[in-house]
C-alpha atoms as a PDB file:
ATOM      1  CA  MET A   1      21.698 -28.250  42.182  1.00  0.00           C
ATOM      2  CA  ARG A   2      17.902 -28.777  42.078  1.00  0.00           C
ATOM      3  CA  GLU A   3      15.447 -27.761  43.802  1.00  0.00           C
ATOM      4  CA  ARG A   4      13.265 -29.954  45.533  1.00  0.00           C
ATOM      5  CA  LYS A   5       9.749 -29.637  45.345  1.00  0.00           C
ATOM      6  CA  ASN A   6       7.622 -30.428  47.864  1.00  0.00           C
ATOM      7  CA  ASN A   7       5.255 -33.451  46.624  1.00  0.00           C
ATOM      8  CA  LYS A   8       4.807 -36.808  47.991  1.00  0.00           C
ATOM      9  CA  ASN A   9       8.554 -38.284  47.539  1.00  0.00           C
ATOM     10  CA  ASN A  10      10.300 -35.570  50.838  1.00  0.00           C
ATOM     11  CA  LYS A  11       7.507 -36.851  53.475  1.00  0.00           C
ATOM     12  CA  LYS A  12       8.312 -37.608  56.391  1.00  0.00           C
ATOM     13  CA  PRO A  13       9.857 -41.312  56.399  1.00  0.00           C
ATOM     14  CA  ARG A  14       7.698 -43.989  57.809  1.00  0.00           C
ATOM     15  CA  PHE A  15       7.603 -46.236  60.806  1.00  0.00           C
ATOM     16  CA  PHE A  16       6.929 -49.817  60.206  1.00  0.00           C
ATOM     17  CA  ASP A  17       5.606 -52.146  63.113  1.00  0.00           C
ATOM     18  CA  PHE A  18       6.312 -55.295  63.770  1.00  0.00           C
ATOM     19  CA  ALA A  19       4.815 -56.954  61.269  1.00  0.00           C
ATOM     20  CA  GLY A  20       6.209 -54.289  58.665  1.00  0.00           C
ATOM     21  CA  ARG A  21       2.614 -52.622  57.961  1.00  0.00           C
ATOM     22  CA  PRO A  22       4.115 -49.004  58.150  1.00  0.00           C
ATOM     23  CA  LEU A  23       2.360 -46.675  60.786  1.00  0.00           C
ATOM     24  CA  LYS A  24       0.702 -43.293  61.479  1.00  0.00           C
ATOM     25  CA  GLU A  25       1.938 -39.971  63.142  1.00  0.00           C
ATOM     26  CA  ASN A  26       0.417 -40.975  66.017  1.00  0.00           C
ATOM     27  CA  GLY A  27       1.451 -44.747  66.574  1.00  0.00           C
ATOM     28  CA  ARG A  28      -1.839 -46.355  64.755  1.00  0.00           C
ATOM     29  CA  VAL A  29      -1.418 -48.467  61.705  1.00  0.00           C
ATOM     30  CA  TYR A  30      -3.098 -47.907  58.814  1.00  0.00           C
ATOM     31  CA  SER A  31      -5.484 -50.323  58.162  1.00  0.00           C
ATOM     32  CA  LYS A  32      -6.703 -51.530  54.140  1.00  0.00           C
ATOM     33  CA  PRO A  33      -9.725 -52.269  53.271  1.00  0.00           C
ATOM     34  CA  VAL A  34     -10.860 -55.387  53.695  1.00  0.00           C
ATOM     35  CA  VAL A  35     -12.950 -57.272  51.300  1.00  0.00           C
ATOM     36  CA  GLU A  36     -15.272 -59.750  52.263  1.00  0.00           C
ATOM     37  CA  TYR A  37     -16.774 -62.608  51.061  1.00  0.00           C
ATOM     38  CA  ASN A  38     -20.805 -62.588  50.615  1.00  0.00           C
ATOM     39  CA  GLU A  39     -22.278 -66.128  48.792  1.00  0.00           C
ATOM     40  CA  ASP A  40     -25.635 -64.204  49.609  1.00  0.00           C
ATOM     41  CA  ALA A  41     -24.972 -61.429  48.140  1.00  0.00           C
ATOM     42  CA  ARG A  42     -23.287 -63.396  44.484  1.00  0.00           C
ATOM     43  CA  LYS A  43     -26.259 -65.300  44.547  1.00  0.00           C
ATOM     44  CA  GLU A  44     -28.813 -62.453  44.118  1.00  0.00           C
ATOM     45  CA  PHE A  45     -26.416 -60.158  41.807  1.00  0.00           C
ATOM     46  CA  ILE A  46     -25.999 -63.140  39.875  1.00  0.00           C
ATOM     47  CA  HIS A  47     -28.984 -64.783  40.020  1.00  0.00           C
ATOM     48  CA  GLY A  48     -31.131 -61.450  40.210  1.00  0.00           C
ATOM     49  CA  PHE A  49     -30.586 -59.994  36.544  1.00  0.00           C
ATOM     50  CA  HIS A  50     -33.972 -61.979  35.755  1.00  0.00           C
ATOM     51  CA  LYS A  51     -36.232 -61.151  38.454  1.00  0.00           C
ATOM     52  CA  ARG A  52     -35.070 -57.550  37.716  1.00  0.00           C
ATOM     53  CA  LYS A  53     -35.823 -57.806  34.274  1.00  0.00           C
ATOM     54  CA  LEU A  54     -39.500 -59.341  34.866  1.00  0.00           C
ATOM     55  CA  GLU A  55     -39.709 -56.263  37.138  1.00  0.00           C
ATOM     56  CA  ARG A  56     -39.110 -54.169  34.234  1.00  0.00           C
ATOM     57  CA  ARG A  57     -41.496 -55.471  32.357  1.00  0.00           C
ATOM     58  CA  GLN A  58     -43.769 -55.452  35.278  1.00  0.00           C
ATOM     59  CA  HIS A  59     -42.978 -51.523  35.427  1.00  0.00           C
ATOM     60  CA  TYR A  60     -43.834 -51.354  31.943  1.00  0.00           C
ATOM     61  CA  GLU A  61     -46.658 -52.651  31.508  1.00  0.00           C
ATOM     62  CA  LYS A  62     -48.143 -51.423  34.743  1.00  0.00           C
ATOM     63  CA  VAL A  63     -47.193 -47.051  32.793  1.00  0.00           C
ATOM     64  CA  GLN A  64     -48.844 -48.967  29.976  1.00  0.00           C
ATOM     65  CA  GLU A  65     -51.977 -49.426  31.758  1.00  0.00           C
ATOM     66  CA  ASP A  66     -52.011 -46.172  33.429  1.00  0.00           C
ATOM     67  CA  LEU A  67     -50.991 -44.444  30.235  1.00  0.00           C
ATOM     68  CA  LYS A  68     -54.471 -46.402  27.916  1.00  0.00           C
ATOM     69  CA  ARG A  69     -56.625 -45.365  30.876  1.00  0.00           C
ATOM     70  CA  GLN A  70     -55.683 -42.085  31.183  1.00  0.00           C
ATOM     71  CA  GLU A  71     -56.797 -41.443  27.509  1.00  0.00           C
ATOM     72  CA  ARG A  72     -59.992 -43.444  27.663  1.00  0.00           C
ATOM     73  CA  LEU A  73     -60.942 -40.372  30.226  1.00  0.00           C
ATOM     74  CA  ASP A  74     -59.595 -37.565  27.829  1.00  0.00           C
ATOM     75  CA  ALA A  75     -61.990 -39.502  25.192  1.00  0.00           C
ATOM     76  CA  ARG A  76     -65.099 -39.744  27.370  1.00  0.00           C
ATOM     77  CA  LYS A  77     -64.045 -36.308  28.420  1.00  0.00           C
ATOM     78  CA  GLU A  78     -64.374 -35.166  25.325  1.00  0.00           C
ATOM     79  CA  LYS A  79     -67.266 -36.756  24.877  1.00  0.00           C
ATOM     80  CA  ARG A  80     -69.484 -35.497  26.893  1.00  0.00           C
ATOM     81  CA  GLU A  81     -67.823 -31.907  26.100  1.00  0.00           C
ATOM     82  CA  LEU A  82     -69.295 -32.092  22.690  1.00  0.00           C
ATOM     83  CA  PHE A  83     -72.728 -33.574  23.961  1.00  0.00           C
ATOM     84  CA  ARG A  84     -73.287 -30.590  25.776  1.00  0.00           C
ATOM     85  CA  GLN A  85     -71.858 -28.766  23.070  1.00  0.00           C
ATOM     86  CA  VAL A  86     -74.658 -30.259  20.911  1.00  0.00           C
ATOM     87  CA  GLN A  87     -77.568 -30.135  23.518  1.00  0.00           C
ATOM     88  CA  ILE A  88     -76.497 -26.027  24.070  1.00  0.00           C
ATOM     89  CA  SER A  89     -76.921 -25.613  20.712  1.00  0.00           C
ATOM     90  CA  ILE A  90     -80.195 -27.640  20.038  1.00  0.00           C
ATOM     91  CA  ASP A  91     -81.859 -25.451  23.438  1.00  0.00           C
ATOM     92  CA  ALA A  92     -80.184 -22.259  21.997  1.00  0.00           C
ATOM     93  CA  ASN A  93     -82.090 -23.171  18.196  1.00  0.00           C
ATOM     94  CA  ASP A  94     -85.291 -24.819  20.203  1.00  0.00           C
ATOM     95  CA  SER A  95     -85.883 -21.415  22.037  1.00  0.00           C
ATOM     96  CA  ASP A  96     -85.373 -19.121  19.075  1.00  0.00           C
ATOM     97  CA  SER A  97     -87.725 -21.115  17.245  1.00  0.00           C
ATOM     98  CA  SER A  98     -90.251 -21.127  20.118  1.00  0.00           C
ATOM     99  CA  GLY A  99     -90.074 -17.704  20.274  1.00  0.00           C
ATOM    100  CA  GLU A 100     -90.228 -17.360  16.866  1.00  0.00           C
ATOM    101  CA  GLY A 101     -92.868 -19.808  16.665  1.00  0.00           C
ATOM    102  CA  LYS A 102     -94.990 -17.785  19.467  1.00  0.00           C
ATOM    103  CA  GLU A 103     -94.513 -14.231  17.990  1.00  0.00           C
ATOM    104  CA  GLU A 104     -96.071 -15.125  14.619  1.00  0.00           C
ATOM    105  CA  GLU A 105     -99.018 -17.283  16.756  1.00  0.00           C
ATOM    106  CA  ASP A 106     -99.460 -13.867  18.355  1.00  0.00           C
ATOM    107  CA  GLU A 107     -99.377 -12.382  15.040  1.00  0.00           C
ATOM    108  CA  GLU A 108    -103.064 -14.387  13.664  1.00  0.00           C
END
């Protein structure tokens, strides 16, 4: 004879209430999940596709605007940096040439 394994089939027999529902060990009825029909939630789900699509588009446009703005700010920053470097090099050249000019004037 085969030995019986301990599995679902070897559980204690269930007891049933008068309506034929199985009872738990403590005598309470097993509860099944209840599905409720909500007309407003259904309409929101069905008609919400367009609304969510528009929200996605608006979000994408906002992200694109932020990226363009950041690019403009970066370009302005680079322009200022370049201008500063040019100014520094011009000032350095002026100070060198002005120093040489003063020396030449002293020699005369």
